[in-house]
Amino acid sequence: MPPDVYVLELDDMQQSAVDLDDPTHLVFDYMRRVGDVIDRLPPGPLRVLHVGGAAMTLPRYVHATRPRSAQIVLEPSVEIIEQVRSEAPLPPRSGIKVRPVDGRSGIAGIRDGYADMVILDAFAGGRVPDELTSGAFVEDVRRVLTPSGVFVANLVDRPPFPQVRDFVAVSRDLGDIAVGVEPSTLKGRRSGNLIVVCGALPEVPFGSPPPMEYRVFTGRAVADSFGGGARR
């Protein structure tokens, strides 16, 4: 990593990377894809709820690209919050409020219709906790989203994608769904990040990533490739 990139490691994995000189430079590919979704939303400030914060890469991106945005981050690890605050502090007057609480209980304290966007990027032991992909959690997401809001979830899975299939099943009532995935993950070579976008999707929700770097499923293709999951 370049010397100006701050990397936070959790569970022996590089969990977050922040370019402190240029927060619009998203180092990890999956974060770049979430950034693409953010960029496709209507211009202007956003109200964003982040479930999982780590090094606050995506909150910093929103602050840099959408000035005057209001953001709430639910990050249960006080240790991580203090470490990031010491080693890679947020910019002053960023509008980013960090709450030391887990996503399932923290979202209960968010008012109805607060968020233009909810971003789920939370891991424990290298995977997204089941409670954050459950039907009950998705119902809370629907409650806090505006009618034109978007829910973005970063999941780690591998074929036949059981977690993604179940998540698609419980999220279909939010509206349209799109799934983005690296070809190598799709072919089963390794576990990888899949970005699931639900709700009032922007046109071409991921922009136009090169086809060799990313596969995007929308409409009927989502059901064909990621259907059959259980509603939990």
Protein backbone atom coordinates (compact mmCIF):
# COMPACT_ATOMS: atom_id res chain seq x y z
CA MET A 1 0.00 0.00 0.00
CA PRO A 2 1.19 3.58 -0.64
CA PRO A 3 2.43 5.35 2.50
CA ASP A 4 -0.57 7.70 2.61
CA VAL A 5 -3.05 4.78 2.77
CA TYR A 6 -4.18 3.80 6.26
CA VAL A 7 -5.09 0.10 6.56
CA LEU A 8 -7.14 -1.35 9.40
CA GLU A 9 -6.77 -5.09 9.96
CA LEU A 10 -9.42 -7.20 11.72
CA ASP A 11 -9.56 -10.98 12.10
CA ASP A 12 -6.19 -11.20 10.28
CA MET A 13 -7.76 -9.53 7.24
CA GLN A 14 -7.34 -6.09 5.72
CA GLN A 15 -10.78 -4.76 6.64
CA SER A 16 -10.53 -1.12 5.55
CA ALA A 17 -8.14 1.06 3.59
CA VAL A 18 -8.33 4.85 3.53
CA ASP A 19 -6.31 7.20 1.33
CA LEU A 20 -5.90 10.01 3.84
CA ASP A 21 -4.75 12.44 1.14
CA ASP A 22 -7.61 11.59 -1.22
CA PRO A 23 -10.68 9.92 0.36
CA THR A 24 -12.30 9.66 -3.09
CA HIS A 25 -9.63 7.07 -3.96
CA LEU A 26 -11.27 3.81 -2.89
CA VAL A 27 -8.53 1.20 -2.67
CA PHE A 28 -10.59 -1.98 -2.43
CA ASP A 29 -12.61 -2.93 -5.49
CA TYR A 30 -15.82 -3.69 -3.59
CA MET A 31 -15.74 -0.24 -1.99
CA ARG A 32 -15.22 1.30 -5.41
CA ARG A 33 -18.40 -0.45 -6.53
CA VAL A 34 -20.33 0.92 -3.54
CA GLY A 35 -18.89 4.32 -4.43
CA ASP A 36 -20.27 3.85 -7.95
CA VAL A 37 -23.76 3.37 -6.48
CA ILE A 38 -23.37 6.51 -4.35
CA ASP A 39 -22.29 8.45 -7.44
CA ARG A 40 -25.40 7.33 -9.33
CA LEU A 41 -27.83 8.83 -6.81
CA PRO A 42 -29.31 12.29 -7.47
CA PRO A 43 -26.85 15.14 -6.84
CA GLY A 44 -26.61 16.94 -3.54
CA PRO A 45 -26.19 16.04 0.13
CA LEU A 46 -27.42 12.68 1.39
CA ARG A 47 -28.56 11.28 4.71
CA VAL A 48 -26.69 7.99 5.08
CA LEU A 49 -26.82 5.29 7.74
CA HIS A 50 -23.72 3.07 7.82
CA VAL A 51 -24.03 -0.29 9.57
CA GLY A 52 -20.38 -1.02 10.31
CA GLY A 53 -17.70 1.63 10.24
CA ALA A 54 -14.17 0.21 10.68
CA ALA A 55 -11.84 2.93 9.30
CA MET A 56 -14.82 5.00 8.04
CA THR A 57 -13.80 4.71 4.39
CA LEU A 58 -17.27 5.13 2.90
CA PRO A 59 -18.39 7.89 5.31
CA ARG A 60 -15.26 9.83 4.30
CA TYR A 61 -16.08 9.22 0.63
CA VAL A 62 -19.61 10.59 1.06
CA HIS A 63 -18.25 13.61 2.95
CA ALA A 64 -15.75 14.32 0.15
CA THR A 65 -18.16 13.83 -2.76
CA ARG A 66 -21.39 15.03 -1.13
CA PRO A 67 -20.56 18.02 1.11
CA ARG A 68 -23.07 18.84 3.88
CA SER A 69 -24.29 15.23 4.01
CA ALA A 70 -25.54 13.96 7.38
CA GLN A 71 -24.21 10.52 8.30
CA ILE A 72 -24.64 8.12 11.20
CA VAL A 73 -22.23 5.20 11.66
CA LEU A 74 -23.14 2.20 13.85
CA GLU A 75 -19.85 0.62 14.95
CA PRO A 76 -20.01 -1.68 17.99
CA SER A 77 -16.26 -1.83 18.71
CA VAL A 78 -15.19 1.02 20.99
CA GLU A 79 -11.60 -0.18 20.53
CA ILE A 80 -11.80 0.30 16.76
CA ILE A 81 -13.47 3.70 17.13
CA GLU A 82 -10.72 4.92 19.45
CA GLN A 83 -7.95 3.45 17.28
CA VAL A 84 -9.25 5.14 14.14
CA ARG A 85 -9.87 8.38 16.01
CA SER A 86 -6.23 8.34 17.12
CA GLU A 87 -4.50 7.06 13.97
CA ALA A 88 -6.74 8.36 11.16
CA PRO A 89 -9.10 10.99 12.60
CA LEU A 90 -12.15 12.13 10.66
CA PRO A 91 -12.00 15.60 9.10
CA PRO A 92 -13.39 18.40 11.26
CA ARG A 93 -17.06 19.31 10.82
CA SER A 94 -17.57 16.21 8.70
CA GLY A 95 -21.19 15.65 9.73
CA ILE A 96 -20.29 12.04 10.56
CA LYS A 97 -21.69 10.84 13.90
CA VAL A 98 -20.27 7.54 15.19
CA ARG A 99 -22.38 5.56 17.66
CA PRO A 100 -20.75 2.68 19.61
CA VAL A 101 -23.58 0.23 19.09
CA ASP A 102 -24.25 -2.88 17.00
CA GLY A 103 -26.33 -2.62 13.85
CA ARG A 104 -29.33 -4.64 15.03
CA SER A 105 -29.96 -2.57 18.16
CA GLY A 106 -28.60 0.68 16.72
CA ILE A 107 -30.98 0.82 13.79
CA ALA A 108 -33.90 0.65 16.22
CA GLY A 109 -32.93 4.15 17.38
CA ILE A 110 -33.07 5.68 13.91
CA ARG A 111 -36.24 7.59 13.10
CA ASP A 112 -38.60 6.54 10.34
CA GLY A 113 -37.72 7.87 6.89
CA TYR A 114 -34.33 9.22 7.97
CA ALA A 115 -32.03 7.76 5.34
CA ASP A 116 -31.57 8.27 1.62
CA MET A 117 -29.16 5.35 1.79
CA VAL A 118 -28.32 2.52 4.18
CA ILE A 119 -24.96 0.80 3.71
CA LEU A 120 -24.31 -2.57 5.35
CA ASP A 121 -20.57 -3.28 5.61
CA ALA A 122 -20.15 -5.13 8.91
CA PHE A 123 -18.21 -8.27 9.66
CA ALA A 124 -17.51 -10.56 12.62
CA GLY A 125 -15.10 -13.44 12.14
CA GLY A 126 -14.80 -12.67 8.44
CA ARG A 127 -18.53 -12.82 7.63
CA VAL A 128 -21.60 -10.64 7.91
CA PRO A 129 -23.53 -11.60 11.07
CA ASP A 130 -26.77 -13.46 10.28
CA GLU A 131 -28.78 -10.96 12.35
CA LEU A 132 -27.84 -8.25 9.84
CA THR A 133 -29.17 -10.21 6.85
CA SER A 134 -32.40 -11.33 8.52
CA GLY A 135 -35.93 -10.39 7.53
CA ALA A 136 -36.34 -8.47 10.80
CA PHE A 137 -33.29 -6.32 10.07
CA VAL A 138 -34.38 -5.65 6.49
CA GLU A 139 -37.78 -4.53 7.80
CA ASP A 140 -35.99 -2.00 9.99
CA VAL A 141 -34.01 -0.86 6.96
CA ARG A 142 -37.25 -0.31 5.06
CA ARG A 143 -38.60 1.70 8.00
CA VAL A 144 -35.65 4.11 8.11
CA LEU A 145 -35.35 4.57 4.33
CA THR A 146 -37.12 7.33 2.46
CA PRO A 147 -39.52 6.14 -0.31
CA SER A 148 -36.75 6.80 -2.83
CA GLY A 149 -34.04 5.28 -0.63
CA VAL A 150 -31.46 2.63 -1.49
CA PHE A 151 -30.04 -0.20 0.61
CA VAL A 152 -26.54 -1.43 -0.28
CA ALA A 153 -25.11 -4.58 1.34
CA ASN A 154 -21.59 -5.96 1.04
CA LEU A 155 -21.72 -9.74 1.48
CA VAL A 156 -18.96 -12.34 1.27
CA ASP A 157 -20.03 -15.64 -0.26
CA ARG A 158 -19.14 -18.31 -2.80
CA PRO A 159 -21.17 -20.57 -5.13
CA PRO A 160 -23.91 -21.63 -4.73
CA PHE A 161 -24.18 -18.31 -2.77
CA PRO A 162 -26.45 -19.42 0.11
CA GLN A 163 -26.17 -16.17 2.08
CA VAL A 164 -26.80 -13.97 -0.96
CA ARG A 165 -29.78 -16.08 -2.04
CA ASP A 166 -31.36 -15.81 1.41
CA PHE A 167 -30.66 -12.07 1.48
CA VAL A 168 -32.27 -11.56 -1.92
CA ALA A 169 -35.32 -13.48 -0.69
CA VAL A 170 -35.82 -11.26 2.38
CA SER A 171 -35.01 -8.02 0.51
CA ARG A 172 -37.26 -8.33 -2.54
CA ASP A 173 -40.07 -6.35 -0.85
CA LEU A 174 -37.78 -3.29 -0.76
CA GLY A 175 -38.12 -2.86 -4.51
CA ASP A 176 -35.79 -3.64 -7.38
CA ILE A 177 -32.58 -5.59 -6.76
CA ALA A 178 -29.20 -5.57 -8.49
CA VAL A 179 -26.18 -7.75 -7.70
CA GLY A 180 -22.58 -7.00 -8.62
CA VAL A 181 -19.84 -9.64 -8.41
CA GLU A 182 -16.31 -10.27 -9.64
CA PRO A 183 -16.12 -12.95 -12.36
CA SER A 184 -13.66 -15.06 -10.34
CA THR A 185 -16.10 -15.19 -7.43
CA LEU A 186 -18.97 -16.00 -9.77
CA LYS A 187 -17.00 -18.92 -11.21
CA GLY A 188 -16.33 -20.35 -7.76
CA ARG A 189 -12.58 -19.90 -7.68
CA ARG A 190 -12.75 -18.27 -4.24
CA SER A 191 -15.03 -16.53 -1.80
CA GLY A 192 -15.49 -12.88 -2.61
CA ASN A 193 -17.53 -9.74 -2.17
CA LEU A 194 -20.97 -9.45 -3.73
CA ILE A 195 -22.66 -6.05 -3.65
CA VAL A 196 -26.46 -6.24 -3.42
CA VAL A 197 -28.41 -3.04 -4.07
CA CYS A 198 -32.11 -2.87 -3.18
CA GLY A 199 -34.86 -0.28 -3.35
CA ALA A 200 -35.36 2.63 -5.74
CA LEU A 201 -32.39 1.72 -7.92
CA PRO A 202 -30.74 4.39 -10.03
CA GLU A 203 -30.45 3.68 -13.72
CA VAL A 204 -27.31 1.58 -14.31
CA PRO A 205 -26.73 1.35 -10.53
CA PHE A 206 -23.03 0.45 -10.74
CA GLY A 207 -22.18 2.81 -13.56
CA SER A 208 -20.20 1.06 -16.27
CA PRO A 209 -17.44 -1.08 -14.70
CA PRO A 210 -15.34 -2.97 -17.25
CA PRO A 211 -17.02 -6.35 -17.98
CA MET A 212 -13.82 -8.30 -17.27
CA GLU A 213 -13.72 -6.78 -13.77
CA TYR A 214 -17.37 -7.01 -12.75
CA ARG A 215 -20.61 -8.77 -13.59
CA VAL A 216 -23.88 -7.00 -12.89
CA PHE A 217 -27.26 -8.76 -12.58
CA THR A 218 -30.52 -6.83 -12.72
CA GLY A 219 -34.19 -7.66 -13.27
CA ARG A 220 -34.98 -11.26 -14.12
CA ALA A 221 -31.28 -12.18 -14.08
CA VAL A 222 -31.20 -11.69 -10.30
CA ALA A 223 -33.94 -14.29 -9.76
CA ASP A 224 -32.37 -16.65 -12.30
CA SER A 225 -28.91 -16.53 -10.68
CA PHE A 226 -29.63 -15.75 -7.03
CA GLY A 227 -33.20 -16.94 -6.45
CA GLY A 228 -34.47 -19.78 -4.33
CA GLY A 229 -33.33 -18.46 -0.96
CA ALA A 230 -35.18 -18.79 2.34
CA ARG A 231 -37.00 -15.88 3.97
CA ARG A 232 -35.70 -15.76 7.55
